[in-house]
N, C-alpha and C. Protein backbone atom coordinates (compact mmCIF):
# COMPACT_ATOMS: atom_id res chain seq x y z
N MET A 1 86.93 114.38 87.11
CA MET A 1 88.03 114.53 86.18
C MET A 1 88.60 113.16 85.78
N MET A 2 88.76 112.27 86.75
CA MET A 2 89.27 110.93 86.44
C MET A 2 88.32 110.20 85.51
N ARG A 3 87.02 110.40 85.71
CA ARG A 3 86.03 109.72 84.87
C ARG A 3 86.21 110.14 83.41
N ALA A 4 86.43 111.42 83.17
CA ALA A 4 86.63 111.90 81.80
C ALA A 4 87.87 111.28 81.17
N HIS A 5 88.94 111.17 81.93
CA HIS A 5 90.16 110.55 81.41
C HIS A 5 89.93 109.07 81.10
N LEU A 6 89.22 108.38 81.98
CA LEU A 6 88.94 106.96 81.77
C LEU A 6 88.05 106.77 80.53
N GLN A 7 87.08 107.65 80.34
CA GLN A 7 86.21 107.56 79.17
C GLN A 7 86.99 107.81 77.87
N ARG A 8 87.94 108.76 77.90
CA ARG A 8 88.76 109.00 76.71
C ARG A 8 89.65 107.80 76.40
N LEU A 9 90.19 107.19 77.45
CA LEU A 9 91.01 105.99 77.27
C LEU A 9 90.17 104.87 76.66
N ALA A 10 88.96 104.66 77.18
CA ALA A 10 88.08 103.62 76.66
C ALA A 10 87.73 103.88 75.19
N ALA A 11 87.47 105.12 74.85
CA ALA A 11 87.14 105.47 73.46
C ALA A 11 88.32 105.20 72.54
N ALA A 12 89.52 105.55 72.99
CA ALA A 12 90.72 105.32 72.18
C ALA A 12 90.95 103.83 71.95
N LEU A 13 90.74 103.03 72.99
CA LEU A 13 90.94 101.58 72.86
C LEU A 13 89.87 100.94 71.98
N SER A 14 88.66 101.43 72.05
CA SER A 14 87.57 100.87 71.23
C SER A 14 87.90 100.91 69.75
N GLY A 15 88.57 101.96 69.32
CA GLY A 15 88.91 102.10 67.91
C GLY A 15 90.02 101.19 67.45
N LEU A 16 90.71 100.53 68.36
CA LEU A 16 91.84 99.68 67.99
C LEU A 16 91.48 98.21 67.84
N LEU A 17 90.34 97.82 68.35
CA LEU A 17 90.00 96.40 68.37
C LEU A 17 89.19 95.98 67.15
N ARG A 18 89.31 94.71 66.82
CA ARG A 18 88.50 94.14 65.74
C ARG A 18 87.08 93.92 66.25
N GLU A 19 86.20 93.59 65.31
CA GLU A 19 84.79 93.42 65.65
C GLU A 19 84.58 92.31 66.69
N SER A 20 85.36 91.27 66.63
CA SER A 20 85.17 90.13 67.53
C SER A 20 85.89 90.30 68.86
N GLU A 21 86.52 91.44 69.08
CA GLU A 21 87.28 91.65 70.31
C GLU A 21 86.56 92.64 71.22
N GLY A 22 86.89 92.54 72.49
CA GLY A 22 86.33 93.46 73.47
C GLY A 22 87.34 93.71 74.57
N PHE A 23 86.98 94.58 75.49
CA PHE A 23 87.88 94.86 76.61
C PHE A 23 87.08 95.39 77.79
N THR A 24 87.69 95.31 78.95
CA THR A 24 87.16 95.97 80.14
C THR A 24 88.29 96.79 80.74
N LEU A 25 87.93 97.88 81.37
CA LEU A 25 88.87 98.70 82.13
C LEU A 25 88.34 98.80 83.55
N TRP A 26 89.23 98.67 84.51
CA TRP A 26 88.86 98.79 85.91
C TRP A 26 89.88 99.71 86.57
N LEU A 27 89.39 100.78 87.16
CA LEU A 27 90.27 101.74 87.82
C LEU A 27 90.03 101.69 89.32
N GLU A 28 91.10 101.50 90.07
CA GLU A 28 91.05 101.60 91.52
C GLU A 28 91.99 102.72 91.90
N ALA A 29 91.48 103.70 92.64
CA ALA A 29 92.32 104.84 93.02
C ALA A 29 91.98 105.27 94.44
N GLU A 30 92.99 105.82 95.11
CA GLU A 30 92.76 106.33 96.45
C GLU A 30 93.64 107.54 96.69
N ARG A 31 93.11 108.43 97.47
CA ARG A 31 93.87 109.59 97.96
C ARG A 31 93.62 109.65 99.46
N THR A 32 94.68 109.52 100.24
CA THR A 32 94.55 109.44 101.68
C THR A 32 95.49 110.44 102.35
N ASP A 33 94.95 111.19 103.29
CA ASP A 33 95.78 112.05 104.14
C ASP A 33 96.10 111.26 105.40
N PHE A 34 97.31 111.42 105.91
CA PHE A 34 97.67 110.70 107.12
C PHE A 34 98.53 111.57 108.03
N VAL A 35 98.53 111.20 109.31
CA VAL A 35 99.37 111.85 110.32
C VAL A 35 99.98 110.76 111.17
N ARG A 36 101.28 110.83 111.40
CA ARG A 36 101.96 109.90 112.29
C ARG A 36 102.31 110.61 113.58
N PHE A 37 102.00 109.94 114.67
CA PHE A 37 102.29 110.49 115.99
C PHE A 37 103.37 109.66 116.66
N ASN A 38 104.13 110.29 117.52
CA ASN A 38 105.13 109.61 118.35
C ASN A 38 105.19 110.36 119.67
N HIS A 39 104.91 109.65 120.76
CA HIS A 39 104.89 110.25 122.10
C HIS A 39 103.98 111.48 122.15
N GLY A 40 102.82 111.38 121.53
CA GLY A 40 101.83 112.45 121.59
C GLY A 40 102.12 113.65 120.71
N LYS A 41 103.14 113.59 119.90
CA LYS A 41 103.48 114.72 119.02
C LYS A 41 103.36 114.29 117.55
N VAL A 42 102.95 115.24 116.73
CA VAL A 42 102.87 114.97 115.29
C VAL A 42 104.29 114.87 114.75
N ARG A 43 104.60 113.74 114.15
CA ARG A 43 105.95 113.53 113.60
C ARG A 43 105.97 113.63 112.08
N GLN A 44 104.87 113.27 111.47
CA GLN A 44 104.83 113.32 110.01
C GLN A 44 103.39 113.45 109.54
N ALA A 45 103.15 114.37 108.65
CA ALA A 45 101.84 114.51 108.02
C ALA A 45 102.07 114.40 106.51
N GLY A 46 101.15 113.76 105.84
CA GLY A 46 101.35 113.59 104.40
C GLY A 46 100.11 113.12 103.69
N GLU A 47 100.30 112.83 102.44
CA GLU A 47 99.22 112.40 101.58
C GLU A 47 99.72 111.27 100.68
N VAL A 48 98.89 110.27 100.48
CA VAL A 48 99.22 109.15 99.60
C VAL A 48 98.22 109.16 98.44
N LYS A 49 98.75 109.12 97.22
CA LYS A 49 97.91 108.99 96.03
C LYS A 49 98.40 107.77 95.27
N GLN A 50 97.50 106.87 94.97
CA GLN A 50 97.88 105.71 94.17
C GLN A 50 96.68 105.26 93.36
N ALA A 51 96.97 104.64 92.24
CA ALA A 51 95.91 104.16 91.36
C ALA A 51 96.42 102.96 90.57
N TYR A 52 95.50 102.06 90.28
CA TYR A 52 95.80 100.89 89.46
C TYR A 52 94.75 100.81 88.37
N LEU A 53 95.20 100.56 87.16
CA LEU A 53 94.31 100.42 86.03
C LEU A 53 94.48 99.01 85.49
N ASP A 54 93.39 98.25 85.47
CA ASP A 54 93.39 96.90 84.91
C ASP A 54 92.74 96.93 83.54
N LEU A 55 93.45 96.43 82.55
CA LEU A 55 92.94 96.31 81.18
C LEU A 55 92.81 94.83 80.87
N ARG A 56 91.62 94.40 80.53
CA ARG A 56 91.38 93.01 80.14
C ARG A 56 90.95 93.01 78.68
N LEU A 57 91.71 92.34 77.86
CA LEU A 57 91.42 92.22 76.43
C LEU A 57 90.79 90.86 76.19
N ILE A 58 89.71 90.83 75.43
CA ILE A 58 88.91 89.61 75.27
C ILE A 58 88.73 89.30 73.79
N ARG A 59 89.00 88.05 73.44
CA ARG A 59 88.72 87.53 72.09
C ARG A 59 88.15 86.14 72.26
N GLY A 60 86.87 86.01 71.97
CA GLY A 60 86.22 84.72 72.17
C GLY A 60 86.26 84.32 73.63
N LYS A 61 86.80 83.11 73.88
CA LYS A 61 86.90 82.62 75.25
C LYS A 61 88.25 82.92 75.87
N ARG A 62 89.13 83.60 75.14
CA ARG A 62 90.47 83.89 75.64
C ARG A 62 90.55 85.33 76.13
N GLN A 63 91.40 85.52 77.14
CA GLN A 63 91.57 86.84 77.72
C GLN A 63 93.02 87.08 78.07
N ALA A 64 93.42 88.34 78.02
CA ALA A 64 94.74 88.76 78.48
C ALA A 64 94.53 89.98 79.38
N THR A 65 95.25 90.02 80.49
CA THR A 65 95.08 91.10 81.45
C THR A 65 96.40 91.82 81.68
N GLN A 66 96.34 93.12 81.77
CA GLN A 66 97.50 93.95 82.08
C GLN A 66 97.11 94.90 83.20
N GLN A 67 97.90 94.93 84.27
CA GLN A 67 97.66 95.89 85.34
C GLN A 67 98.75 96.95 85.30
N LEU A 68 98.31 98.21 85.29
CA LEU A 68 99.24 99.33 85.29
C LEU A 68 99.16 100.03 86.63
N SER A 69 100.28 100.22 87.26
CA SER A 69 100.36 100.98 88.51
C SER A 69 100.58 102.44 88.13
N LEU A 70 99.67 103.30 88.54
CA LEU A 70 99.71 104.69 88.14
C LEU A 70 100.04 105.58 89.33
N SER A 71 100.85 106.58 89.09
CA SER A 71 101.16 107.56 90.14
C SER A 71 101.49 108.88 89.48
N GLY A 72 101.52 109.93 90.27
CA GLY A 72 101.93 111.22 89.73
C GLY A 72 100.79 112.11 89.27
N GLY A 73 99.61 111.96 89.86
CA GLY A 73 98.52 112.85 89.51
C GLY A 73 98.00 112.60 88.11
N MET A 74 97.59 113.66 87.43
CA MET A 74 96.96 113.53 86.12
C MET A 74 97.94 113.16 85.02
N ARG A 75 99.22 113.33 85.22
CA ARG A 75 100.15 112.94 84.16
C ARG A 75 100.19 111.42 83.96
N ILE A 76 99.57 110.67 84.88
CA ILE A 76 99.49 109.21 84.70
C ILE A 76 98.81 108.86 83.40
N TRP A 77 97.88 109.67 82.94
CA TRP A 77 97.11 109.35 81.75
C TRP A 77 97.95 109.48 80.49
N ARG A 78 98.95 110.33 80.52
CA ARG A 78 99.84 110.43 79.35
C ARG A 78 100.60 109.13 79.15
N TRP A 79 100.87 108.43 80.21
CA TRP A 79 101.60 107.16 80.13
C TRP A 79 100.65 106.00 79.89
N SER A 80 99.51 105.98 80.57
CA SER A 80 98.63 104.81 80.49
C SER A 80 97.97 104.65 79.13
N ARG A 81 97.62 105.73 78.48
CA ARG A 81 96.96 105.61 77.17
C ARG A 81 97.86 104.94 76.14
N PRO A 82 99.12 105.38 75.96
CA PRO A 82 99.97 104.68 74.98
C PRO A 82 100.23 103.23 75.37
N ARG A 83 100.39 102.94 76.65
CA ARG A 83 100.65 101.56 77.09
C ARG A 83 99.45 100.67 76.79
N CYS A 84 98.26 101.14 77.08
CA CYS A 84 97.05 100.35 76.79
C CYS A 84 96.86 100.18 75.30
N ARG A 85 97.13 101.22 74.52
CA ARG A 85 97.03 101.11 73.06
C ARG A 85 98.00 100.07 72.53
N HIS A 86 99.22 100.08 73.04
CA HIS A 86 100.24 99.11 72.62
C HIS A 86 99.75 97.69 72.89
N CYS A 87 99.21 97.47 74.06
CA CYS A 87 98.73 96.14 74.43
C CYS A 87 97.56 95.73 73.53
N ALA A 88 96.65 96.65 73.25
CA ALA A 88 95.50 96.35 72.39
C ALA A 88 95.96 96.04 70.96
N ARG A 89 96.93 96.77 70.46
CA ARG A 89 97.44 96.52 69.10
C ARG A 89 98.09 95.14 69.01
N ARG A 90 98.86 94.79 70.04
CA ARG A 90 99.49 93.47 70.05
C ARG A 90 98.43 92.38 70.00
N LEU A 91 97.39 92.54 70.77
CA LEU A 91 96.32 91.55 70.80
C LEU A 91 95.66 91.44 69.43
N SER A 92 95.38 92.57 68.81
CA SER A 92 94.68 92.57 67.53
C SER A 92 95.48 91.89 66.43
N ARG A 93 96.80 91.93 66.50
CA ARG A 93 97.65 91.33 65.46
C ARG A 93 97.87 89.84 65.67
N CYS A 94 97.64 89.35 66.88
CA CYS A 94 97.95 87.95 67.19
C CYS A 94 96.79 87.04 66.81
N ARG A 95 97.14 85.85 66.32
CA ARG A 95 96.11 84.84 66.08
C ARG A 95 95.61 84.28 67.41
N THR A 96 96.51 84.15 68.36
CA THR A 96 96.14 83.72 69.71
C THR A 96 96.54 84.83 70.67
N ILE A 97 95.86 84.91 71.77
CA ILE A 97 96.15 85.95 72.75
C ILE A 97 97.46 85.62 73.45
N PRO A 98 98.38 86.58 73.54
CA PRO A 98 99.64 86.31 74.23
C PRO A 98 99.40 86.08 75.71
N SER A 99 100.31 85.32 76.35
CA SER A 99 100.14 85.04 77.77
C SER A 99 100.29 86.30 78.60
N CYS A 100 100.98 87.28 78.07
CA CYS A 100 101.15 88.54 78.79
C CYS A 100 101.40 89.63 77.77
N CYS A 101 100.83 90.80 78.03
CA CYS A 101 101.04 91.92 77.10
C CYS A 101 102.34 92.58 77.45
C-alpha cells in the first residue's frame, strides 16, 4: 500500500518539473510493537509508527533537499503530496535553487 502511495506522489511530482530538472524520493518507515517490563510485570505495551520522506530536487549540479516527518497512518499522504508539490513548484520558478524549500 505504501508503495502505491509513493508511486502516485512520484508521478504527481514528475509533472511539475521542467525538462532539465529531476528529483529523488526516499521513504524510511517503521512499525514496531514494544512491551515495557518493570519487576517482571508488563507495564506498557504499544506500537510505534513513524516515517520520513526525503525529497531531493535536482537542477544541473545544484540540489535542494526537504525531509518530511510523517505520522498518522495513511493520512500522511494527504499532507505530504501538497507539501512536495509546493517545494517542486518553488524550485521550478527559481533561477537558482533556494537554500531550503
